[in-house]
């Protein structure tokens, strides 16, 4: 099973969310630990990264297979996550 690590900005964003949203994201992260390719692979300038959807929010992450780590690089609202 993979381990999820949040970058500092992602963790800060997560902590500011309402408890209900935090629980929804945590549940999805639990699924992601078991299946790191649960999200969609990104293309163009974000090739090599993945996107995971939960409601109006998205996580941009990188799979580090050698270390069994999923690094959450960015967590935010869908309207500006790819900026």
C-alpha atoms as a PDB file:
ATOM      1  CA  UNK A   1       0.000   0.000   0.000  1.00  0.00           C
ATOM      2  CA  UNK A   2       1.170   3.517  -0.800  1.00  0.00           C
ATOM      3  CA  UNK A   3       1.665   6.346   1.672  1.00  0.00           C
ATOM      4  CA  UNK A   4       0.167   9.775   0.955  1.00  0.00           C
ATOM      5  CA  UNK A   5       2.233  12.876   1.679  1.00  0.00           C
ATOM      6  CA  UNK A   6       0.813  16.388   1.312  1.00  0.00           C
ATOM      7  CA  UNK A   7       2.995  19.329   0.351  1.00  0.00           C
ATOM      8  CA  UNK A   8       2.775  22.191   2.893  1.00  0.00           C
ATOM      9  CA  UNK A   9       0.394  24.327   0.791  1.00  0.00           C
ATOM     10  CA  UNK A  10      -1.860  21.338   0.156  1.00  0.00           C
ATOM     11  CA  UNK A  11      -1.959  20.520   3.852  1.00  0.00           C
ATOM     12  CA  UNK A  12      -2.745  24.143   4.712  1.00  0.00           C
ATOM     13  CA  UNK A  13      -5.592  24.217   2.181  1.00  0.00           C
ATOM     14  CA  UNK A  14      -6.950  20.930   3.555  1.00  0.00           C
ATOM     15  CA  UNK A  15      -7.006  22.223   7.132  1.00  0.00           C
ATOM     16  CA  UNK A  16      -9.016  25.297   6.084  1.00  0.00           C
ATOM     17  CA  UNK A  17     -11.824  23.210   4.573  1.00  0.00           C
ATOM     18  CA  UNK A  18     -15.039  22.379   6.387  1.00  0.00           C
ATOM     19  CA  UNK A  19     -15.014  19.104   8.301  1.00  0.00           C
ATOM     20  CA  UNK A  20     -17.443  17.513   5.815  1.00  0.00           C
ATOM     21  CA  UNK A  21     -15.104  18.262   2.891  1.00  0.00           C
ATOM     22  CA  UNK A  22     -12.081  17.032   4.856  1.00  0.00           C
ATOM     23  CA  UNK A  23     -13.851  13.728   5.499  1.00  0.00           C
ATOM     24  CA  UNK A  24     -14.771  13.320   1.823  1.00  0.00           C
ATOM     25  CA  UNK A  25     -11.184  13.988   0.744  1.00  0.00           C
ATOM     26  CA  UNK A  26      -9.738  11.696   3.442  1.00  0.00           C
ATOM     27  CA  UNK A  27     -12.019   8.885   2.268  1.00  0.00           C
ATOM     28  CA  UNK A  28     -10.848   9.357  -1.323  1.00  0.00           C
ATOM     29  CA  UNK A  29      -7.205   9.422  -0.160  1.00  0.00           C
ATOM     30  CA  UNK A  30      -7.784   6.058   1.556  1.00  0.00           C
ATOM     31  CA  UNK A  31      -8.923   4.643  -1.792  1.00  0.00           C
ATOM     32  CA  UNK A  32      -5.930   6.265  -3.509  1.00  0.00           C
ATOM     33  CA  UNK A  33      -3.482   4.548  -1.129  1.00  0.00           C
ATOM     34  CA  UNK A  34      -4.734   1.194  -2.404  1.00  0.00           C
ATOM     35  CA  UNK A  35      -4.939   2.226  -6.062  1.00  0.00           C
ATOM     36  CA  UNK A  36      -2.613   5.115  -6.994  1.00  0.00           C
ATOM     37  CA  UNK A  37      -3.933   5.201 -10.556  1.00  0.00           C
ATOM     38  CA  UNK A  38      -7.453   6.004  -9.347  1.00  0.00           C
ATOM     39  CA  UNK A  39      -7.227   9.512 -10.806  1.00  0.00           C
ATOM     40  CA  UNK A  40      -6.701  10.618 -14.383  1.00  0.00           C
ATOM     41  CA  UNK A  41      -3.263  11.046 -15.937  1.00  0.00           C
ATOM     42  CA  UNK A  42      -2.541  14.618 -16.980  1.00  0.00           C
ATOM     43  CA  UNK A  43      -1.014  15.711 -20.281  1.00  0.00           C
ATOM     44  CA  UNK A  44       0.946  18.567 -21.847  1.00  0.00           C
ATOM     45  CA  UNK A  45       2.927  20.579 -19.285  1.00  0.00           C
ATOM     46  CA  UNK A  46       1.546  18.410 -16.460  1.00  0.00           C
ATOM     47  CA  UNK A  47       2.485  15.080 -18.058  1.00  0.00           C
ATOM     48  CA  UNK A  48       3.641  12.563 -15.451  1.00  0.00           C
ATOM     49  CA  UNK A  49       1.179  13.913 -12.876  1.00  0.00           C
ATOM     50  CA  UNK A  50      -2.314  12.749 -11.999  1.00  0.00           C
ATOM     51  CA  UNK A  51      -5.570  14.491 -11.057  1.00  0.00           C
ATOM     52  CA  UNK A  52      -8.070  13.166  -8.526  1.00  0.00           C
ATOM     53  CA  UNK A  53     -11.585  14.578  -8.262  1.00  0.00           C
ATOM     54  CA  UNK A  54     -13.752  14.971  -5.161  1.00  0.00           C
ATOM     55  CA  UNK A  55     -16.782  17.187  -5.732  1.00  0.00           C
ATOM     56  CA  UNK A  56     -15.636  20.694  -6.623  1.00  0.00           C
ATOM     57  CA  UNK A  57     -12.072  19.996  -5.494  1.00  0.00           C
ATOM     58  CA  UNK A  58      -9.102  18.412  -7.205  1.00  0.00           C
ATOM     59  CA  UNK A  59      -5.732  17.062  -6.129  1.00  0.00           C
ATOM     60  CA  UNK A  60      -2.723  17.089  -8.428  1.00  0.00           C
ATOM     61  CA  UNK A  61      -0.365  14.304  -7.424  1.00  0.00           C
ATOM     62  CA  UNK A  62       2.743  12.407  -8.385  1.00  0.00           C
ATOM     63  CA  UNK A  63       3.217   8.668  -7.952  1.00  0.00           C
ATOM     64  CA  UNK A  64       6.672   7.679  -6.695  1.00  0.00           C
ATOM     65  CA  UNK A  65       6.549   3.943  -7.322  1.00  0.00           C
ATOM     66  CA  UNK A  66      10.061   3.181  -6.059  1.00  0.00           C
ATOM     67  CA  UNK A  67       9.227   4.703  -2.663  1.00  0.00           C
ATOM     68  CA  UNK A  68       5.538   3.638  -2.575  1.00  0.00           C
ATOM     69  CA  UNK A  69       4.611   7.303  -2.050  1.00  0.00           C
ATOM     70  CA  UNK A  70       1.866   9.477  -3.491  1.00  0.00           C
ATOM     71  CA  UNK A  71       2.887  13.114  -3.244  1.00  0.00           C
ATOM     72  CA  UNK A  72      -0.039  15.565  -3.241  1.00  0.00           C
ATOM     73  CA  UNK A  73       1.503  18.577  -4.948  1.00  0.00           C
ATOM     74  CA  UNK A  74      -1.572  20.765  -5.144  1.00  0.00           C
ATOM     75  CA  UNK A  75      -5.027  20.655  -3.610  1.00  0.00           C
ATOM     76  CA  UNK A  76      -7.692  23.197  -4.507  1.00  0.00           C
ATOM     77  CA  UNK A  77     -10.935  24.191  -6.150  1.00  0.00           C
ATOM     78  CA  UNK A  78     -11.481  22.916  -9.668  1.00  0.00           C
ATOM     79  CA  UNK A  79     -11.748  26.418 -11.158  1.00  0.00           C
ATOM     80  CA  UNK A  80      -8.141  27.336 -10.397  1.00  0.00           C
ATOM     81  CA  UNK A  81      -6.256  24.129  -9.607  1.00  0.00           C
ATOM     82  CA  UNK A  82      -4.521  24.027 -13.000  1.00  0.00           C
ATOM     83  CA  UNK A  83      -3.310  27.673 -12.932  1.00  0.00           C
END
